[in-house]
Amino acid sequence: MALRTSAVGQGLGESIVEVTPSMTMAYAAALGEDGECYMDDLRRGGVVAPPPFCVVLEWPIVNGRAYREASGTSAEEAYGSIH
């Protein structure tokens, strides 16, 4: 899948996501992470998100119409892309 070079540097809008403990714990569970820092929401300081959780925040943008238009990809190509 080729991307348009003109897409480099283009703004794609913003996505506001409220990250909750249940979101980060569900993501950690999906990865098989069972460490206390990921799964114990009663621990002092609460839970932390696994490092790869950052991809969750980018998906609304990367799967959006602005990205597809800028990159020249179809919806099917965008949904099947690997970051």
N, C-alpha and C. Protein backbone atom coordinates (compact mmCIF):
# COMPACT_ATOMS: atom_id res chain seq x y z
N MET A 1 0.85 -1.17 0.00
CA MET A 1 0.00 0.00 0.00
C MET A 1 0.90 1.24 0.00
N ALA A 2 0.80 2.04 -1.01
CA ALA A 2 1.58 3.26 -1.12
C ALA A 2 0.80 4.42 -0.49
N LEU A 3 1.53 5.29 0.17
CA LEU A 3 0.92 6.49 0.75
C LEU A 3 1.42 7.71 -0.01
N ARG A 4 0.59 8.72 -0.06
CA ARG A 4 0.99 9.97 -0.73
C ARG A 4 2.04 10.68 0.11
N THR A 5 3.12 11.10 -0.52
CA THR A 5 4.14 11.85 0.21
C THR A 5 3.62 13.21 0.65
N SER A 6 2.60 13.73 -0.04
CA SER A 6 2.03 15.02 0.34
C SER A 6 1.32 14.96 1.69
N ALA A 7 1.10 13.75 2.22
CA ALA A 7 0.44 13.60 3.52
C ALA A 7 1.36 13.97 4.67
N VAL A 8 2.67 13.94 4.42
CA VAL A 8 3.64 14.24 5.47
C VAL A 8 3.43 15.66 6.00
N GLY A 9 3.27 15.76 7.30
CA GLY A 9 3.13 17.07 7.94
C GLY A 9 1.72 17.63 7.97
N GLN A 10 0.77 16.95 7.36
CA GLN A 10 -0.61 17.45 7.37
C GLN A 10 -1.26 17.19 8.72
N GLY A 11 -2.06 18.15 9.17
CA GLY A 11 -2.85 17.97 10.39
C GLY A 11 -4.06 17.11 10.09
N LEU A 12 -4.41 16.25 11.01
CA LEU A 12 -5.52 15.34 10.79
C LEU A 12 -6.65 15.55 11.80
N GLY A 13 -6.63 16.66 12.48
CA GLY A 13 -7.67 16.92 13.47
C GLY A 13 -7.24 16.42 14.83
N GLU A 14 -8.18 16.39 15.73
CA GLU A 14 -7.86 15.93 17.07
C GLU A 14 -8.93 14.95 17.53
N SER A 15 -8.56 14.17 18.49
CA SER A 15 -9.47 13.22 19.10
C SER A 15 -9.30 13.33 20.61
N ILE A 16 -10.36 13.56 21.30
CA ILE A 16 -10.31 13.66 22.75
C ILE A 16 -10.81 12.35 23.33
N VAL A 17 -9.96 11.71 24.11
CA VAL A 17 -10.28 10.41 24.69
C VAL A 17 -10.11 10.50 26.20
N GLU A 18 -11.13 10.12 26.93
CA GLU A 18 -11.01 10.05 28.38
C GLU A 18 -10.51 8.65 28.72
N VAL A 19 -9.29 8.57 29.18
CA VAL A 19 -8.69 7.28 29.51
C VAL A 19 -9.12 6.92 30.94
N THR A 20 -9.74 5.76 31.05
CA THR A 20 -10.21 5.29 32.35
C THR A 20 -9.40 4.09 32.81
N PRO A 21 -9.40 3.83 34.11
CA PRO A 21 -8.70 2.64 34.59
C PRO A 21 -9.21 1.36 33.91
N SER A 22 -10.51 1.26 33.70
CA SER A 22 -11.02 0.03 33.07
C SER A 22 -10.50 -0.13 31.64
N MET A 23 -10.29 0.97 30.92
CA MET A 23 -9.73 0.88 29.57
C MET A 23 -8.31 0.33 29.61
N THR A 24 -7.50 0.87 30.50
CA THR A 24 -6.10 0.43 30.55
C THR A 24 -5.99 -0.99 31.07
N MET A 25 -6.86 -1.37 32.02
CA MET A 25 -6.83 -2.74 32.53
C MET A 25 -7.29 -3.73 31.46
N ALA A 26 -8.31 -3.37 30.69
CA ALA A 26 -8.77 -4.25 29.62
C ALA A 26 -7.69 -4.43 28.57
N TYR A 27 -6.99 -3.34 28.24
CA TYR A 27 -5.91 -3.42 27.26
C TYR A 27 -4.79 -4.31 27.80
N ALA A 28 -4.42 -4.11 29.07
CA ALA A 28 -3.38 -4.93 29.67
C ALA A 28 -3.77 -6.40 29.66
N ALA A 29 -5.02 -6.68 29.98
CA ALA A 29 -5.49 -8.07 29.98
C ALA A 29 -5.41 -8.67 28.58
N ALA A 30 -5.75 -7.89 27.57
CA ALA A 30 -5.68 -8.38 26.19
C ALA A 30 -4.26 -8.73 25.79
N LEU A 31 -3.29 -8.03 26.37
CA LEU A 31 -1.88 -8.30 26.09
C LEU A 31 -1.33 -9.43 26.96
N GLY A 32 -2.12 -9.87 27.93
CA GLY A 32 -1.63 -10.90 28.86
C GLY A 32 -0.81 -10.33 29.99
N GLU A 33 -0.85 -9.02 30.16
CA GLU A 33 -0.11 -8.37 31.25
C GLU A 33 -0.93 -8.51 32.53
N ASP A 34 -0.34 -9.09 33.56
CA ASP A 34 -1.09 -9.25 34.80
C ASP A 34 -0.38 -8.64 36.00
N GLY A 35 0.59 -7.79 35.72
CA GLY A 35 1.31 -7.13 36.81
C GLY A 35 0.39 -6.23 37.62
N GLU A 36 0.72 -6.11 38.89
CA GLU A 36 -0.07 -5.29 39.81
C GLU A 36 -0.23 -3.86 39.30
N CYS A 37 0.80 -3.31 38.73
CA CYS A 37 0.73 -1.92 38.26
C CYS A 37 -0.29 -1.74 37.14
N TYR A 38 -0.60 -2.80 36.42
CA TYR A 38 -1.56 -2.74 35.33
C TYR A 38 -2.98 -3.13 35.76
N MET A 39 -3.08 -4.01 36.76
CA MET A 39 -4.37 -4.63 37.05
C MET A 39 -4.99 -4.29 38.40
N ASP A 40 -4.25 -3.71 39.32
CA ASP A 40 -4.80 -3.44 40.66
C ASP A 40 -5.19 -1.97 40.77
N ASP A 41 -6.47 -1.70 40.51
CA ASP A 41 -6.91 -0.31 40.55
C ASP A 41 -7.05 0.22 41.96
N LEU A 42 -6.84 -0.62 42.96
CA LEU A 42 -6.86 -0.17 44.36
C LEU A 42 -5.45 0.10 44.89
N ARG A 43 -4.44 -0.16 44.09
CA ARG A 43 -3.06 0.07 44.55
C ARG A 43 -2.80 1.57 44.68
N ARG A 44 -1.91 1.91 45.55
CA ARG A 44 -1.57 3.32 45.74
C ARG A 44 -1.08 3.89 44.42
N GLY A 45 -1.67 4.99 43.98
CA GLY A 45 -1.31 5.60 42.71
C GLY A 45 -2.15 5.10 41.55
N GLY A 46 -2.95 4.07 41.79
CA GLY A 46 -3.80 3.53 40.72
C GLY A 46 -3.03 2.70 39.72
N VAL A 47 -3.66 2.42 38.61
CA VAL A 47 -3.04 1.60 37.57
C VAL A 47 -2.28 2.49 36.60
N VAL A 48 -1.37 1.87 35.88
CA VAL A 48 -0.68 2.55 34.79
C VAL A 48 -1.00 1.80 33.51
N ALA A 49 -0.98 2.49 32.43
CA ALA A 49 -1.25 1.87 31.13
C ALA A 49 0.02 1.21 30.62
N PRO A 50 -0.12 0.03 30.00
CA PRO A 50 1.06 -0.58 29.37
C PRO A 50 1.58 0.36 28.28
N PRO A 51 2.89 0.40 28.06
CA PRO A 51 3.44 1.32 27.06
C PRO A 51 2.77 1.28 25.69
N PRO A 52 2.40 0.10 25.16
CA PRO A 52 1.78 0.12 23.83
C PRO A 52 0.37 0.71 23.80
N PHE A 53 -0.18 1.07 24.96
CA PHE A 53 -1.53 1.63 25.02
C PHE A 53 -1.65 2.89 24.16
N CYS A 54 -0.55 3.55 23.88
CA CYS A 54 -0.60 4.79 23.09
C CYS A 54 -1.26 4.58 21.73
N VAL A 55 -1.22 3.37 21.20
CA VAL A 55 -1.85 3.14 19.90
C VAL A 55 -3.37 3.27 19.98
N VAL A 56 -3.94 3.01 21.15
CA VAL A 56 -5.38 3.16 21.34
C VAL A 56 -5.80 4.60 21.06
N LEU A 57 -4.96 5.53 21.45
CA LEU A 57 -5.28 6.95 21.31
C LEU A 57 -5.16 7.44 19.87
N GLU A 58 -4.36 6.77 19.07
CA GLU A 58 -4.18 7.21 17.68
C GLU A 58 -5.21 6.63 16.73
N TRP A 59 -5.85 5.54 17.09
CA TRP A 59 -6.76 4.88 16.15
C TRP A 59 -7.92 5.73 15.66
N PRO A 60 -8.56 6.55 16.50
CA PRO A 60 -9.64 7.38 15.96
C PRO A 60 -9.17 8.31 14.84
N ILE A 61 -7.93 8.76 14.91
CA ILE A 61 -7.38 9.64 13.88
C ILE A 61 -6.96 8.81 12.66
N VAL A 62 -6.20 7.75 12.88
CA VAL A 62 -5.68 6.96 11.78
C VAL A 62 -6.80 6.25 11.00
N ASN A 63 -7.90 5.99 11.64
CA ASN A 63 -9.02 5.35 10.95
C ASN A 63 -10.03 6.36 10.42
N GLY A 64 -9.74 7.63 10.54
CA GLY A 64 -10.68 8.66 10.12
C GLY A 64 -10.58 9.05 8.66
N ARG A 65 -11.57 9.76 8.22
CA ARG A 65 -11.65 10.18 6.82
C ARG A 65 -10.49 11.11 6.45
N ALA A 66 -10.11 12.04 7.35
CA ALA A 66 -9.03 12.97 7.04
C ALA A 66 -7.73 12.22 6.73
N TYR A 67 -7.46 11.17 7.48
CA TYR A 67 -6.26 10.36 7.22
C TYR A 67 -6.36 9.68 5.86
N ARG A 68 -7.51 9.07 5.60
CA ARG A 68 -7.67 8.36 4.33
C ARG A 68 -7.53 9.31 3.15
N GLU A 69 -8.10 10.51 3.26
CA GLU A 69 -8.00 11.47 2.17
C GLU A 69 -6.57 11.96 1.98
N ALA A 70 -5.89 12.26 3.08
CA ALA A 70 -4.52 12.76 2.99
C ALA A 70 -3.56 11.70 2.45
N SER A 71 -3.76 10.46 2.89
CA SER A 71 -2.83 9.39 2.51
C SER A 71 -3.19 8.73 1.18
N GLY A 72 -4.42 8.94 0.73
CA GLY A 72 -4.85 8.33 -0.52
C GLY A 72 -5.19 6.85 -0.37
N THR A 73 -5.63 6.45 0.83
CA THR A 73 -5.98 5.06 1.05
C THR A 73 -7.49 4.89 1.13
N SER A 74 -7.94 3.71 0.79
CA SER A 74 -9.36 3.39 0.94
C SER A 74 -9.62 3.01 2.39
N ALA A 75 -10.89 2.93 2.77
CA ALA A 75 -11.23 2.52 4.13
C ALA A 75 -10.67 1.13 4.43
N GLU A 76 -10.76 0.23 3.48
CA GLU A 76 -10.26 -1.12 3.68
C GLU A 76 -8.74 -1.13 3.90
N GLU A 77 -8.03 -0.33 3.12
CA GLU A 77 -6.58 -0.24 3.29
C GLU A 77 -6.22 0.37 4.65
N ALA A 78 -6.93 1.42 5.03
CA ALA A 78 -6.64 2.08 6.30
C ALA A 78 -6.88 1.13 7.47
N TYR A 79 -7.98 0.39 7.43
CA TYR A 79 -8.31 -0.53 8.52
C TYR A 79 -7.35 -1.69 8.58
N GLY A 80 -6.75 -2.04 7.47
CA GLY A 80 -5.82 -3.15 7.44
C GLY A 80 -4.37 -2.74 7.60
N SER A 81 -4.12 -1.46 7.82
CA SER A 81 -2.73 -1.00 7.92
C SER A 81 -2.13 -1.36 9.28
N ILE A 82 -0.82 -1.39 9.31
CA ILE A 82 -0.08 -1.68 10.54
C ILE A 82 0.70 -0.43 10.88
N HIS A 83 0.59 0.00 12.12
CA HIS A 83 1.29 1.21 12.54
C HIS A 83 2.73 0.93 12.88
